[in-house]
Amino acid sequence: MGSRFNTILRTTLRGSRWGMAPLCLGLIAALLIVLAQFLRELGHAVMGFPAMDGSGVILAVLKLIDLVLVANLVLMIISAGVEIFLPTPTDDKERPEWAGLIDFAGLKVKLFAAISAIAAIDMLESFINVGPADKSGVLWEIAMLLAFAVAGVLLAWMDRLAGH
């Protein structure tokens, strides 16, 4: 009886990783939404280019960069989720070289770096539009960016200390 229960429990726990599949599919849909927004922003930038001044061009490019960083963040999470619920054999010809090489500690640092970069881009947009921007809002953006940077450094430091 105990052996059968253990087998059922083990099978159920291993099968529960498939709960990630709908979440990853939702993130793929989110990636498509980010792609559509990128194309929309690119279209606005191209069509509005003749009327743009220097800061307008910089703002348009920063919006595009921000969307690329968000897409990269979503893609990192999708890739990590796929590695969890669908590990591929090492002899798979279509598997990229980097697949499976990033451990959880490395993923945390990369995620914090991506989030910090997104926050930095948003802050740059606020600095360029500092005239109409709310000054206290800019201060909050600076505080959030610093919090992300400090948290990322602390995570990397803790992982390094744990490795020794």
C-alpha atoms as a PDB file:
ATOM      1  CA  MET A   1       0.000   0.000   0.000  1.00  0.00           C
ATOM      2  CA  GLY A   2       2.770   2.466   0.973  1.00  0.00           C
ATOM      3  CA  SER A   3       4.787   1.683  -2.152  1.00  0.00           C
ATOM      4  CA  ARG A   4       1.772   2.241  -4.392  1.00  0.00           C
ATOM      5  CA  PHE A   5       0.967   5.534  -2.634  1.00  0.00           C
ATOM      6  CA  ASN A   6       4.564   6.703  -3.094  1.00  0.00           C
ATOM      7  CA  THR A   7       4.425   5.845  -6.803  1.00  0.00           C
ATOM      8  CA  ILE A   8       1.151   7.734  -7.265  1.00  0.00           C
ATOM      9  CA  LEU A   9       2.454  10.726  -5.298  1.00  0.00           C
ATOM     10  CA  ARG A  10       5.744  10.791  -7.245  1.00  0.00           C
ATOM     11  CA  THR A  11       3.897  10.579 -10.573  1.00  0.00           C
ATOM     12  CA  THR A  12       1.486  13.343  -9.531  1.00  0.00           C
ATOM     13  CA  LEU A  13       4.300  15.626  -8.397  1.00  0.00           C
ATOM     14  CA  ARG A  14       6.290  15.074 -11.594  1.00  0.00           C
ATOM     15  CA  GLY A  15       3.185  15.657 -13.691  1.00  0.00           C
ATOM     16  CA  SER A  16       2.365  18.880 -11.859  1.00  0.00           C
ATOM     17  CA  ARG A  17       5.143  20.636 -13.747  1.00  0.00           C
ATOM     18  CA  TRP A  18       2.773  20.680 -16.721  1.00  0.00           C
ATOM     19  CA  GLY A  19       0.841  23.344 -14.824  1.00  0.00           C
ATOM     20  CA  MET A  20       3.458  25.707 -16.249  1.00  0.00           C
ATOM     21  CA  ALA A  21       2.325  25.042 -19.830  1.00  0.00           C
ATOM     22  CA  PRO A  22      -0.733  27.365 -19.787  1.00  0.00           C
ATOM     23  CA  LEU A  23       1.362  30.047 -18.086  1.00  0.00           C
ATOM     24  CA  CYS A  24       4.042  29.821 -20.770  1.00  0.00           C
ATOM     25  CA  LEU A  25       1.389  29.926 -23.486  1.00  0.00           C
ATOM     26  CA  GLY A  26      -0.007  33.074 -21.846  1.00  0.00           C
ATOM     27  CA  LEU A  27       3.478  34.598 -21.863  1.00  0.00           C
ATOM     28  CA  ILE A  28       3.793  33.778 -25.562  1.00  0.00           C
ATOM     29  CA  ALA A  29       0.545  35.714 -26.087  1.00  0.00           C
ATOM     30  CA  ALA A  30       2.027  38.565 -24.027  1.00  0.00           C
ATOM     31  CA  LEU A  31       5.127  38.477 -26.229  1.00  0.00           C
ATOM     32  CA  LEU A  32       2.907  38.831 -29.295  1.00  0.00           C
ATOM     33  CA  ILE A  33       1.189  41.825 -27.655  1.00  0.00           C
ATOM     34  CA  VAL A  34       4.598  43.433 -27.002  1.00  0.00           C
ATOM     35  CA  LEU A  35       5.525  42.755 -30.642  1.00  0.00           C
ATOM     36  CA  ALA A  36       2.315  44.423 -31.840  1.00  0.00           C
ATOM     37  CA  GLN A  37       3.002  47.434 -29.594  1.00  0.00           C
ATOM     38  CA  PHE A  38       6.580  47.610 -30.911  1.00  0.00           C
ATOM     39  CA  LEU A  39       5.333  47.645 -34.500  1.00  0.00           C
ATOM     40  CA  ARG A  40       2.751  50.317 -33.609  1.00  0.00           C
ATOM     41  CA  GLU A  41       5.406  52.510 -31.943  1.00  0.00           C
ATOM     42  CA  LEU A  42       7.762  51.966 -34.887  1.00  0.00           C
ATOM     43  CA  GLY A  43       4.989  53.003 -37.282  1.00  0.00           C
ATOM     44  CA  HIS A  44       4.291  56.146 -35.230  1.00  0.00           C
ATOM     45  CA  ALA A  45       8.006  56.981 -35.186  1.00  0.00           C
ATOM     46  CA  VAL A  46       8.406  56.512 -38.935  1.00  0.00           C
ATOM     47  CA  MET A  47       5.237  58.472 -39.809  1.00  0.00           C
ATOM     48  CA  GLY A  48       5.927  61.249 -37.320  1.00  0.00           C
ATOM     49  CA  PHE A  49       9.639  61.532 -38.055  1.00  0.00           C
ATOM     50  CA  PRO A  50       9.431  64.629 -40.294  1.00  0.00           C
ATOM     51  CA  ALA A  51       7.801  66.609 -37.480  1.00  0.00           C
ATOM     52  CA  MET A  52      10.108  65.334 -34.704  1.00  0.00           C
ATOM     53  CA  ASP A  53      12.838  67.353 -33.101  1.00  0.00           C
ATOM     54  CA  GLY A  54      15.928  65.785 -31.492  1.00  0.00           C
ATOM     55  CA  SER A  55      14.257  64.942 -28.196  1.00  0.00           C
ATOM     56  CA  GLY A  56      11.269  63.467 -30.019  1.00  0.00           C
ATOM     57  CA  VAL A  57      13.548  61.092 -31.931  1.00  0.00           C
ATOM     58  CA  ILE A  58      15.312  60.113 -28.710  1.00  0.00           C
ATOM     59  CA  LEU A  59      11.966  59.476 -27.001  1.00  0.00           C
ATOM     60  CA  ALA A  60      10.754  57.331 -29.899  1.00  0.00           C
ATOM     61  CA  VAL A  61      13.950  55.265 -29.837  1.00  0.00           C
ATOM     62  CA  LEU A  62      13.778  54.906 -26.041  1.00  0.00           C
ATOM     63  CA  LYS A  63      10.208  53.595 -26.302  1.00  0.00           C
ATOM     64  CA  LEU A  64      11.357  51.008 -28.846  1.00  0.00           C
ATOM     65  CA  ILE A  65      14.304  49.986 -26.661  1.00  0.00           C
ATOM     66  CA  ASP A  66      11.988  49.702 -23.660  1.00  0.00           C
ATOM     67  CA  LEU A  67       9.695  47.345 -25.567  1.00  0.00           C
ATOM     68  CA  VAL A  68      12.661  45.232 -26.722  1.00  0.00           C
ATOM     69  CA  LEU A  69      13.861  44.918 -23.115  1.00  0.00           C
ATOM     70  CA  VAL A  70      10.371  43.890 -21.970  1.00  0.00           C
ATOM     71  CA  ALA A  71      10.231  41.299 -24.768  1.00  0.00           C
ATOM     72  CA  ASN A  72      13.639  39.934 -23.714  1.00  0.00           C
ATOM     73  CA  LEU A  73      12.416  39.695 -20.114  1.00  0.00           C
ATOM     74  CA  VAL A  74       9.311  37.761 -21.189  1.00  0.00           C
ATOM     75  CA  LEU A  75      11.433  35.492 -23.381  1.00  0.00           C
ATOM     76  CA  MET A  76      13.794  34.713 -20.478  1.00  0.00           C
ATOM     77  CA  ILE A  77      10.850  33.684 -18.315  1.00  0.00           C
ATOM     78  CA  ILE A  78       9.364  31.566 -21.115  1.00  0.00           C
ATOM     79  CA  SER A  79      12.711  29.815 -21.648  1.00  0.00           C
ATOM     80  CA  ALA A  80      13.075  29.096 -17.937  1.00  0.00           C
ATOM     81  CA  GLY A  81       9.529  27.736 -17.826  1.00  0.00           C
ATOM     82  CA  VAL A  82      10.144  25.482 -20.808  1.00  0.00           C
ATOM     83  CA  GLU A  83      13.271  24.071 -19.133  1.00  0.00           C
ATOM     84  CA  ILE A  84      11.176  23.288 -16.051  1.00  0.00           C
ATOM     85  CA  PHE A  85       8.242  21.494 -17.618  1.00  0.00           C
ATOM     86  CA  LEU A  86       9.735  20.192 -20.833  1.00  0.00           C
ATOM     87  CA  PRO A  87      13.401  19.289 -20.484  1.00  0.00           C
ATOM     88  CA  THR A  88      14.815  18.406 -23.892  1.00  0.00           C
ATOM     89  CA  PRO A  89      17.329  15.650 -24.479  1.00  0.00           C
ATOM     90  CA  THR A  90      20.923  16.786 -24.895  1.00  0.00           C
ATOM     91  CA  ASP A  91      21.172  15.228 -28.367  1.00  0.00           C
ATOM     92  CA  ASP A  92      18.320  17.379 -29.742  1.00  0.00           C
ATOM     93  CA  LYS A  93      19.556  19.093 -32.942  1.00  0.00           C
ATOM     94  CA  GLU A  94      17.140  22.046 -32.637  1.00  0.00           C
ATOM     95  CA  ARG A  95      18.119  22.833 -29.035  1.00  0.00           C
ATOM     96  CA  PRO A  96      20.146  26.058 -28.837  1.00  0.00           C
ATOM     97  CA  GLU A  97      23.638  25.824 -27.330  1.00  0.00           C
ATOM     98  CA  TRP A  98      22.727  28.091 -24.419  1.00  0.00           C
ATOM     99  CA  ALA A  99      19.635  26.095 -23.399  1.00  0.00           C
ATOM    100  CA  GLY A 100      19.966  24.631 -19.927  1.00  0.00           C
ATOM    101  CA  LEU A 101      23.172  26.539 -19.169  1.00  0.00           C
ATOM    102  CA  ILE A 102      21.588  29.245 -17.005  1.00  0.00           C
ATOM    103  CA  ASP A 103      20.941  28.120 -13.470  1.00  0.00           C
ATOM    104  CA  PHE A 104      18.456  29.729 -11.117  1.00  0.00           C
ATOM    105  CA  ALA A 105      21.079  32.046  -9.590  1.00  0.00           C
ATOM    106  CA  GLY A 106      22.137  33.278 -13.029  1.00  0.00           C
ATOM    107  CA  LEU A 107      18.526  33.737 -14.052  1.00  0.00           C
ATOM    108  CA  LYS A 108      17.819  35.902 -10.984  1.00  0.00           C
ATOM    109  CA  VAL A 109      20.719  38.199 -11.794  1.00  0.00           C
ATOM    110  CA  LYS A 110      19.700  38.453 -15.468  1.00  0.00           C
ATOM    111  CA  LEU A 111      16.090  39.215 -14.493  1.00  0.00           C
ATOM    112  CA  PHE A 112      17.143  41.962 -12.094  1.00  0.00           C
ATOM    113  CA  ALA A 113      19.465  43.386 -14.747  1.00  0.00           C
ATOM    114  CA  ALA A 114      16.628  43.433 -17.294  1.00  0.00           C
ATOM    115  CA  ILE A 115      14.188  45.025 -14.834  1.00  0.00           C
ATOM    116  CA  SER A 116      16.798  47.615 -13.858  1.00  0.00           C
ATOM    117  CA  ALA A 117      17.436  48.423 -17.521  1.00  0.00           C
ATOM    118  CA  ILE A 118      13.696  48.854 -18.137  1.00  0.00           C
ATOM    119  CA  ALA A 119      13.452  51.174 -15.121  1.00  0.00           C
ATOM    120  CA  ALA A 120      16.482  53.125 -16.371  1.00  0.00           C
ATOM    121  CA  ILE A 121      14.914  53.588 -19.825  1.00  0.00           C
ATOM    122  CA  ASP A 122      11.684  54.828 -18.228  1.00  0.00           C
ATOM    123  CA  MET A 123      13.704  57.239 -16.109  1.00  0.00           C
ATOM    124  CA  LEU A 124      15.556  58.522 -19.203  1.00  0.00           C
ATOM    125  CA  GLU A 125      12.198  59.184 -20.859  1.00  0.00           C
ATOM    126  CA  SER A 126      11.142  61.181 -17.787  1.00  0.00           C
ATOM    127  CA  PHE A 127      14.394  63.164 -17.819  1.00  0.00           C
ATOM    128  CA  ILE A 128      13.919  64.090 -21.464  1.00  0.00           C
ATOM    129  CA  ASN A 129      10.337  65.186 -20.699  1.00  0.00           C
ATOM    130  CA  VAL A 130      11.301  66.726 -17.363  1.00  0.00           C
ATOM    131  CA  GLY A 131       9.329  69.903 -18.073  1.00  0.00           C
ATOM    132  CA  PRO A 132       5.849  68.348 -18.097  1.00  0.00           C
ATOM    133  CA  ALA A 133       6.824  65.485 -15.751  1.00  0.00           C
ATOM    134  CA  ASP A 134       5.861  65.443 -12.096  1.00  0.00           C
ATOM    135  CA  LYS A 135       9.052  66.064 -10.094  1.00  0.00           C
ATOM    136  CA  SER A 136       8.015  63.742  -7.271  1.00  0.00           C
ATOM    137  CA  GLY A 137       7.285  61.036  -9.848  1.00  0.00           C
ATOM    138  CA  VAL A 138      10.831  61.371 -11.194  1.00  0.00           C
ATOM    139  CA  LEU A 139      12.195  61.035  -7.654  1.00  0.00           C
ATOM    140  CA  TRP A 140      10.141  57.854  -7.177  1.00  0.00           C
ATOM    141  CA  GLU A 141      11.537  56.480 -10.453  1.00  0.00           C
ATOM    142  CA  ILE A 142      15.078  57.172  -9.245  1.00  0.00           C
ATOM    143  CA  ALA A 143      14.327  55.476  -5.922  1.00  0.00           C
ATOM    144  CA  MET A 144      12.875  52.398  -7.678  1.00  0.00           C
ATOM    145  CA  LEU A 145      15.853  52.168 -10.027  1.00  0.00           C
ATOM    146  CA  LEU A 146      18.257  52.340  -7.105  1.00  0.00           C
ATOM    147  CA  ALA A 147      16.231  49.730  -5.204  1.00  0.00           C
ATOM    148  CA  PHE A 148      16.366  47.344  -8.196  1.00  0.00           C
ATOM    149  CA  ALA A 149      20.100  47.925  -8.623  1.00  0.00           C
ATOM    150  CA  VAL A 150      20.843  47.369  -4.923  1.00  0.00           C
ATOM    151  CA  ALA A 151      18.637  44.255  -4.811  1.00  0.00           C
ATOM    152  CA  GLY A 152      20.378  42.831  -7.877  1.00  0.00           C
ATOM    153  CA  VAL A 153      23.830  43.476  -6.425  1.00  0.00           C
ATOM    154  CA  LEU A 154      22.815  41.916  -3.102  1.00  0.00           C
ATOM    155  CA  LEU A 155      21.409  38.827  -4.848  1.00  0.00           C
ATOM    156  CA  ALA A 156      24.581  38.396  -6.896  1.00  0.00           C
ATOM    157  CA  TRP A 157      26.714  38.883  -3.755  1.00  0.00           C
ATOM    158  CA  MET A 158      24.653  36.345  -1.774  1.00  0.00           C
ATOM    159  CA  ASP A 159      24.966  33.799  -4.593  1.00  0.00           C
ATOM    160  CA  ARG A 160      28.694  34.370  -4.737  1.00  0.00           C
ATOM    161  CA  LEU A 161      29.037  33.930  -0.982  1.00  0.00           C
ATOM    162  CA  ALA A 162      26.947  30.754  -1.110  1.00  0.00           C
ATOM    163  CA  GLY A 163      29.183  29.409  -3.867  1.00  0.00           C
ATOM    164  CA  HIS A 164      32.310  29.617  -1.686  1.00  0.00           C
END
